[in-house]
Protein backbone atom coordinates (compact mmCIF):
# COMPACT_ATOMS: atom_id res chain seq x y z
CA MET A 1 -42.61 132.58 109.82
CA VAL A 2 -41.41 129.68 107.63
CA ASP A 3 -43.22 129.17 104.34
CA ILE A 4 -43.64 125.45 103.80
CA THR A 5 -44.49 124.61 100.13
CA VAL A 6 -45.71 121.15 99.25
CA SER A 7 -43.59 119.80 96.32
CA LYS A 8 -45.38 118.40 93.31
CA GLU A 9 -45.24 114.70 92.59
CA ARG A 10 -42.66 113.89 89.95
CA SER A 11 -43.82 112.21 86.76
CA PHE A 12 -42.24 108.92 85.76
CA PRO A 13 -43.09 106.70 82.76
CA LYS A 14 -45.58 104.11 83.81
CA GLN A 15 -44.54 100.50 83.43
CA GLU A 16 -46.58 98.70 80.84
CA PHE A 17 -46.46 94.93 80.69
CA THR A 18 -47.18 93.30 77.34
CA ASP A 19 -46.81 89.82 75.88
CA SER A 20 -43.41 90.87 74.46
CA GLU A 21 -44.36 91.30 70.83
CA ALA A 22 -40.94 90.26 69.49
CA GLY A 23 -41.00 87.08 71.52
CA ALA A 24 -44.52 86.27 70.43
CA LEU A 25 -43.66 86.22 66.73
CA VAL A 26 -43.42 82.96 64.82
CA PHE A 27 -40.12 82.51 63.00
CA PRO A 28 -37.96 79.59 61.81
CA SER A 29 -37.02 77.49 64.87
CA SER A 30 -39.36 79.49 67.15
CA THR A 31 -40.56 76.21 68.62
CA SER A 32 -37.05 74.82 68.91
CA ARG A 33 -34.53 75.09 71.71
CA SER A 34 -32.10 76.63 69.20
CA TYR A 35 -32.66 80.01 67.51
CA ASN A 36 -32.41 80.78 63.80
CA TYR A 37 -33.43 83.99 62.06
CA PHE A 38 -33.34 82.41 58.60
CA LYS A 39 -34.88 79.38 56.93
CA PRO A 40 -32.29 76.60 56.55
CA ALA A 41 -31.94 74.93 53.16
CA LYS A 42 -32.58 71.57 54.82
CA LEU A 43 -34.40 70.45 57.95
CA ARG A 44 -31.69 71.78 60.25
CA ALA A 45 -29.21 74.59 59.74
CA THR A 46 -25.63 73.58 58.99
CA MET A 47 -22.60 75.11 60.65
CA TYR A 48 -21.89 76.82 57.32
CA GLU A 49 -25.28 78.55 57.41
CA ASP A 50 -24.99 79.46 61.09
CA VAL A 51 -21.68 81.27 60.67
CA THR A 52 -22.22 82.73 57.17
CA PHE A 53 -25.88 83.59 56.64
CA ASP A 54 -26.81 87.26 57.22
CA VAL A 55 -23.33 88.22 58.43
CA GLN A 56 -23.76 91.01 55.89
CA PRO A 57 -26.87 93.04 56.89
CA ASP A 58 -29.56 93.88 54.38
CA PRO A 59 -32.37 96.49 54.57
CA ASP A 60 -34.68 93.96 52.90
CA ARG A 61 -34.36 91.75 55.95
CA HIS A 62 -33.11 93.47 59.11
CA LEU A 63 -32.14 97.13 58.62
CA SER A 64 -35.48 98.92 58.85
CA GLN A 65 -33.70 102.30 58.84
CA GLY A 66 -31.87 101.51 55.58
CA TRP A 67 -28.15 101.16 55.04
CA ILE A 68 -26.14 102.51 57.94
CA TYR A 69 -23.02 103.05 55.82
CA GLY A 70 -22.21 103.92 52.23
CA PHE A 71 -19.76 105.41 49.79
CA ALA A 72 -18.97 109.11 49.39
CA ASN A 73 -21.33 110.63 46.82
CA GLY A 74 -22.57 107.14 46.02
CA PRO A 75 -24.97 104.38 46.99
CA GLY A 76 -25.12 102.81 50.41
CA GLY A 77 -24.21 99.28 51.38
CA TYR A 78 -24.37 96.62 48.67
CA PRO A 79 -26.43 98.01 45.76
CA LYS A 80 -28.30 95.47 43.67
CA ASP A 81 -27.73 97.52 40.51
CA TRP A 82 -24.07 96.55 40.48
CA THR A 83 -25.21 93.78 38.14
CA LYS A 84 -27.80 93.60 35.36
CA LEU A 85 -29.12 90.32 36.76
CA VAL A 86 -32.09 90.39 39.12
CA SER A 87 -33.23 87.96 41.81
CA SER A 88 -36.50 87.71 43.70
CA ASP A 89 -34.41 86.77 46.74
CA TRP A 90 -30.62 86.87 46.59
CA HIS A 91 -30.55 85.18 50.00
CA GLN A 92 -31.70 81.90 48.48
CA PHE A 93 -28.14 81.16 47.36
CA ARG A 94 -26.21 78.51 49.25
CA ASP A 95 -22.66 77.46 48.39
CA PRO A 96 -22.83 73.69 47.69
CA ASN A 97 -19.23 73.49 48.97
CA GLU A 98 -20.34 75.04 52.29
CA GLU A 99 -17.14 77.02 52.58
CA TRP A 100 -16.53 78.91 55.81
CA GLU A 101 -13.44 79.82 57.82
CA LYS A 102 -12.63 76.32 59.08
CA THR A 103 -13.03 74.62 55.70
CA ILE A 104 -10.95 77.28 53.94
CA PHE A 105 -7.96 76.72 56.22
CA ARG A 106 -8.40 72.94 56.36
CA ASN A 107 -8.76 72.42 52.60
CA ASN A 108 -5.95 74.74 51.56
CA ALA A 109 -3.63 73.40 54.26
CA ALA A 110 -4.22 69.89 52.90
CA VAL A 111 -3.37 71.03 49.37
CA VAL A 112 -0.22 72.86 50.48
CA ARG A 113 0.88 69.77 52.42
CA GLN A 114 0.27 67.55 49.40
CA ILE A 115 2.26 69.77 47.04
CA SER A 116 5.10 70.26 49.51
CA LEU A 117 5.49 66.49 49.92
CA SER A 118 5.36 65.97 46.14
CA LEU A 119 8.10 68.53 45.53
CA GLU A 120 10.26 67.16 48.34
CA ASN A 121 9.89 63.60 47.04
CA ALA A 122 10.65 64.72 43.48
CA LYS A 123 13.92 66.35 44.56
CA ARG A 124 14.84 63.37 46.71
CA ALA A 125 14.22 60.94 43.84
CA LYS A 126 15.79 63.27 41.25
CA ALA A 127 12.63 62.84 39.20
CA TYR A 128 13.38 65.80 36.94
CA SER A 129 16.52 64.16 35.58
CA HIS A 130 14.33 61.76 33.61
CA TRP A 131 12.70 64.55 31.62
CA ASN A 132 13.69 64.92 27.97
CA SER A 133 14.71 68.36 26.75
CA SER A 134 11.54 69.00 24.75
CA TRP A 135 9.37 68.41 27.84
CA THR A 136 11.59 70.67 29.93
CA ARG A 137 11.18 73.45 27.37
CA PHE A 138 7.42 72.81 27.23
CA ILE A 139 6.96 73.18 31.00
CA GLU A 140 9.24 76.18 31.41
CA ARG A 141 7.43 78.08 28.68
CA ASN A 142 3.79 77.02 28.93
CA LEU A 143 3.11 76.07 32.54
CA GLY A 144 5.06 79.17 33.53
CA ALA A 145 2.92 81.31 31.23
CA TRP A 146 -0.29 79.84 32.70
CA MET A 147 0.87 81.02 36.13
CA HIS A 148 0.25 84.60 34.94
CA ALA A 149 -3.32 83.76 33.94
CA GLU A 150 -4.10 82.22 37.34
CA ASN A 151 -2.58 85.13 39.24
CA GLY A 152 -4.33 87.73 37.08
CA LEU A 153 -7.74 86.12 37.53
CA GLY A 154 -7.27 85.66 41.27
CA LEU A 155 -6.00 89.14 41.99
CA HIS A 156 -7.85 91.31 39.46
CA VAL A 157 -11.12 89.44 38.87
CA PHE A 158 -12.20 87.45 41.93
CA THR A 159 -10.51 89.61 44.57
CA ALA A 160 -11.85 92.72 42.83
CA VAL A 161 -15.51 91.58 42.90
CA GLN A 162 -15.60 89.53 46.10
CA ARG A 163 -17.57 92.21 48.03
CA SER A 164 -19.83 93.33 45.21
CA ALA A 165 -22.70 90.82 45.38
CA PRO A 166 -25.81 91.63 47.47
CA THR A 167 -25.29 88.87 50.08
CA ASN A 168 -22.45 87.57 52.19
CA MET A 169 -23.19 84.01 51.05
CA ILE A 170 -22.23 84.90 47.47
CA ASN A 171 -19.30 87.14 48.39
CA ASN A 172 -17.88 84.45 50.67
CA ALA A 173 -17.83 81.91 47.83
CA VAL A 174 -16.16 84.40 45.47
CA ALA A 175 -13.53 85.25 48.10
CA VAL A 176 -12.69 81.54 48.44
CA ASN A 177 -12.44 81.39 44.64
CA ALA A 178 -9.89 84.22 44.78
CA ALA A 179 -7.89 82.36 47.43
CA HIS A 180 -7.87 79.23 45.25
CA LYS A 181 -6.50 81.08 42.25
CA LEU A 182 -3.80 82.92 44.18
CA ARG A 183 -2.71 79.79 46.01
CA PHE A 184 -2.51 77.81 42.75
CA ALA A 185 -0.48 80.58 41.10
CA GLN A 186 1.86 80.43 44.10
CA ASP A 187 2.11 76.64 43.75
CA LEU A 188 3.16 77.03 40.13
CA ALA A 189 5.72 79.69 41.12
CA LEU A 190 7.24 77.37 43.75
CA PHE A 191 7.36 74.54 41.22
CA ASN A 192 9.07 76.86 38.75
CA LEU A 193 11.61 77.79 41.44
CA ASP A 194 12.35 74.16 42.28
CA LEU A 195 12.91 73.34 38.61
CA SER A 196 15.17 76.38 38.22
CA GLU A 197 17.36 75.07 41.04
CA SER A 198 17.56 71.58 39.55
CA ASP A 199 20.36 70.42 37.25
CA ILE A 200 18.26 69.99 34.08
CA GLY A 201 18.97 73.42 32.56
CA PHE A 202 15.51 74.81 33.33
CA ASP A 203 15.12 78.54 32.56
CA GLY A 204 12.84 79.84 35.30
CA SER A 205 12.46 83.33 33.81
CA VAL A 206 11.49 82.59 30.21
CA HIS A 207 7.78 82.44 31.11
CA LYS A 208 7.66 86.24 31.34
CA ASP A 209 8.74 86.65 27.73
CA VAL A 210 6.34 83.89 26.63
CA TRP A 211 3.40 85.60 28.36
CA LYS A 212 4.25 88.97 26.82
CA ASN A 213 5.37 88.00 23.34
CA ASP A 214 4.69 84.39 22.30
CA PRO A 215 1.92 84.52 19.63
CA ALA A 216 0.37 81.32 20.99
CA TRP A 217 -0.33 83.00 24.33
CA GLN A 218 -1.47 86.45 23.25
CA GLY A 219 -5.10 85.39 22.86
CA VAL A 220 -5.15 84.03 26.41
CA ARG A 221 -3.42 87.13 27.71
CA GLU A 222 -5.90 89.45 25.99
CA ASN A 223 -8.84 87.38 27.24
CA VAL A 224 -7.59 87.53 30.84
CA GLU A 225 -6.91 91.27 30.66
CA ARG A 226 -10.38 91.94 29.27
CA LEU A 227 -11.91 89.90 32.11
CA THR A 228 -10.16 92.11 34.64
CA ALA A 229 -11.95 95.13 33.13
CA ALA A 230 -15.50 93.75 33.42
CA GLY A 231 -17.49 96.20 35.55
CA ASP A 232 -20.52 94.04 36.35
CA TRP A 233 -19.55 91.60 39.12
CA ALA A 234 -21.87 88.84 37.83
CA GLU A 235 -20.60 89.28 34.28
CA ALA A 236 -16.99 88.97 35.49
CA LEU A 237 -17.89 85.80 37.39
CA PHE A 238 -19.89 84.30 34.51
CA ALA A 239 -17.37 85.19 31.80
CA THR A 240 -14.50 83.76 33.86
CA ASN A 241 -15.84 80.60 35.53
CA ILE A 242 -18.37 79.57 32.90
CA VAL A 243 -16.84 80.75 29.62
CA PHE A 244 -13.07 81.23 29.94
CA GLU A 245 -12.41 78.38 32.35
CA CYS A 246 -14.49 75.85 30.41
CA LEU A 247 -13.05 76.75 27.01
CA VAL A 248 -9.47 77.71 27.90
CA GLY A 249 -8.62 76.74 31.49
CA VAL A 250 -9.89 73.17 31.32
CA LEU A 251 -8.52 72.86 27.78
CA PHE A 252 -4.97 73.62 28.95
CA ARG A 253 -4.95 72.07 32.42
CA SER A 254 -7.08 68.97 32.02
CA ASP A 255 -7.30 68.24 28.30
CA LEU A 256 -3.58 68.77 27.69
CA LEU A 257 -1.30 68.70 30.74
CA MET A 258 -3.17 66.01 32.67
CA GLN A 259 -3.27 63.84 29.53
CA ILE A 260 0.33 63.97 28.33
CA SER A 261 2.56 64.57 31.36
CA ALA A 262 2.99 60.93 32.39
CA ARG A 263 3.76 59.85 28.82
CA ASN A 264 6.63 62.33 28.88
CA GLY A 265 8.07 60.91 32.13
CA ASP A 266 6.60 63.61 34.36
CA TYR A 267 4.54 62.51 37.37
CA ILE A 268 4.92 65.75 39.35
CA THR A 269 3.13 68.21 37.08
CA PRO A 270 -0.20 66.27 37.15
CA THR A 271 -0.13 66.32 40.95
CA ILE A 272 0.25 70.09 41.07
CA VAL A 273 -2.09 70.88 38.18
CA GLY A 274 -4.61 68.41 39.60
CA THR A 275 -5.02 70.59 42.69
CA GLY A 276 -5.91 73.52 40.44
CA GLU A 277 -8.45 71.38 38.61
CA ASN A 278 -9.96 70.29 41.92
CA ASP A 279 -10.21 73.95 42.97
CA TYR A 280 -11.98 74.78 39.73
CA SER A 281 -14.40 71.88 40.14
CA ARG A 282 -15.48 73.33 43.47
CA ASP A 283 -15.61 76.89 42.15
CA LEU A 284 -17.66 75.80 39.13
CA GLY A 285 -20.06 74.12 41.58
CA TYR A 286 -20.99 77.33 43.39
CA THR A 287 -21.04 79.28 40.11
CA ARG A 288 -23.51 76.86 38.54
CA ALA A 289 -25.69 76.97 41.66
CA LEU A 290 -25.76 80.78 41.59
CA PHE A 291 -26.64 81.17 37.92
CA ALA A 292 -29.11 78.27 38.02
CA MET A 293 -30.92 80.14 40.81
CA LEU A 294 -31.05 83.24 38.60
CA THR A 295 -32.16 81.52 35.38
CA ARG A 296 -34.90 79.62 37.25
CA ASP A 297 -36.22 82.66 39.10
CA GLU A 298 -40.00 82.71 38.74
CA ASN A 299 -40.17 86.46 38.21
CA HIS A 300 -36.89 87.31 36.49
CA GLY A 301 -35.62 84.04 34.95
CA ALA A 302 -36.42 84.94 31.33
CA ALA A 303 -34.81 88.38 31.62
CA ASN A 304 -31.74 86.90 33.29
CA LYS A 305 -31.35 84.34 30.50
CA ALA A 306 -31.46 87.13 27.95
CA VAL A 307 -28.68 88.98 29.77
CA LEU A 308 -26.55 85.84 30.09
CA ASN A 309 -27.01 85.00 26.41
CA SER A 310 -25.84 88.53 25.53
CA TRP A 311 -22.76 87.96 27.68
CA LEU A 312 -22.13 84.69 25.86
CA ALA A 313 -22.17 86.59 22.58
CA THR A 314 -19.47 88.90 23.96
CA TRP A 315 -17.16 86.42 25.68
CA VAL A 316 -17.40 83.11 23.79
CA PRO A 317 -15.72 84.43 20.59
CA GLN A 318 -12.82 85.79 22.68
CA SER A 319 -12.29 82.52 24.55
CA ILE A 320 -12.63 80.39 21.39
CA THR A 321 -10.00 82.58 19.73
CA ALA A 322 -7.71 82.26 22.76
CA ALA A 323 -8.15 78.48 22.75
CA ARG A 324 -7.42 78.13 19.03
CA GLU A 325 -4.29 80.28 19.25
CA LEU A 326 -2.89 77.78 21.77
CA GLN A 327 -2.91 75.02 19.15
CA PRO A 328 0.86 75.21 18.33
CA ILE A 329 1.87 74.14 21.84
CA TRP A 330 0.19 70.72 21.30
CA SER A 331 3.02 69.86 18.89
CA GLN A 332 5.89 70.77 21.24
CA PRO A 333 6.21 67.64 23.43
CA ASN A 334 7.83 64.48 22.03
CA GLU A 335 4.96 62.25 23.19
CA LYS A 336 1.69 63.51 21.73
CA VAL A 337 -1.10 61.26 22.99
CA ILE A 338 -3.94 63.63 22.16
CA THR A 339 -4.64 66.01 19.31
CA PHE A 340 -5.67 69.64 19.67
CA ALA A 341 -8.97 68.89 17.92
CA ASP A 342 -9.82 66.19 20.47
CA SER A 343 -8.86 68.42 23.39
CA LEU A 344 -10.92 71.35 22.09
CA GLU A 345 -13.95 69.15 21.44
CA SER A 346 -13.72 67.79 25.01
CA ALA A 347 -13.65 71.35 26.38
CA LYS A 348 -16.59 72.34 24.18
CA ASN A 349 -18.62 69.37 25.43
CA THR A 350 -18.02 70.43 29.03
CA PHE A 351 -19.15 73.93 28.13
CA ARG A 352 -22.29 72.66 26.35
CA THR A 353 -23.22 70.62 29.42
CA VAL A 354 -22.96 73.64 31.72
CA LEU A 355 -24.98 75.84 29.36
CA GLY A 356 -27.64 73.14 29.07
CA GLU A 357 -28.02 72.98 32.84
CA LEU A 358 -28.54 76.75 32.92
CA GLY A 359 -31.02 76.70 30.05
CA LEU A 360 -28.90 79.01 27.88
CA ASN A 361 -28.40 79.06 24.12
CA ILE A 362 -25.51 77.12 22.60
CA PRO A 363 -23.32 79.71 20.78
CA LYS A 364 -22.72 79.14 17.08
CA GLU A 365 -18.96 79.33 17.68
CA LEU A 366 -19.07 75.87 19.27
CA ASP A 367 -20.09 74.31 15.97
CA SER A 368 -17.11 75.63 14.04
């Protein structure tokens, strides 16, 4: 006799139809045909925002389970305590230059093309043969020495901190800043090489000795080396782009080289140095936007200003000293169309303007 056993009905999860909670939420652009998960700075999101915003995840916005990666025996992700400054919302920052992959390649390619054409035309026209010996010595020693400053800042300051900020929007701008510095240092190296191969008796290696031993450059060298040791990413950025660049970088590039080169028969150096000044103008733009956001923060603005003023007390004396020690090089060219005092005062005025926009104290060193 066959025993027939009736099998029990298997249990399956019951389908439950809802109004799709995620789809029912109201979010930026929820009524639009295009989708955004952030609030654009303007009416519509730009391409820069679309491809840059929230590329770096953040537990405050999307990672409900916390950071999904971290460092051995250390914090996870992008810790906010890597700087003393505090923001109510780090994601408010937008780079006014709107730098993303396409603009980086396009802008730097244009600069490289411009410099390449300038150097080719200079060799074709034998432009260096019109330089007097004092100007040749000035460029081989001083512009060559400045190449070390640009390379050091690009490689050991901006490259070192370009992943340390809490958002991709900030880190992206700092990474572009690093690329600017390294490219400009390379431009100066290529210029140095071209001059070494010319027939004007240009010593293309003397810049190394100048950077290491010339008393006029030791203040700049020390300042740059101290910047590379700054542990707080925001302090490194502030001390470099706001303090050092305003008081030393602009002083040398804009308030000296750009003013006197043509009077000494040199029309090539301003073209090359001008690209570095244009880079700095853009980099100062994002830096001012970032620190203005922090000093105007409704909850933390006063505390941030106190921190920034303490950093000014640390870094301004060093940069003022570095600037003043450069004074002897103003007397080296034959044609001196500007005095060191005028150049330094111009640099100080630029610095005062930036500090005023950020609502920071004017250091007493600027009055001396």
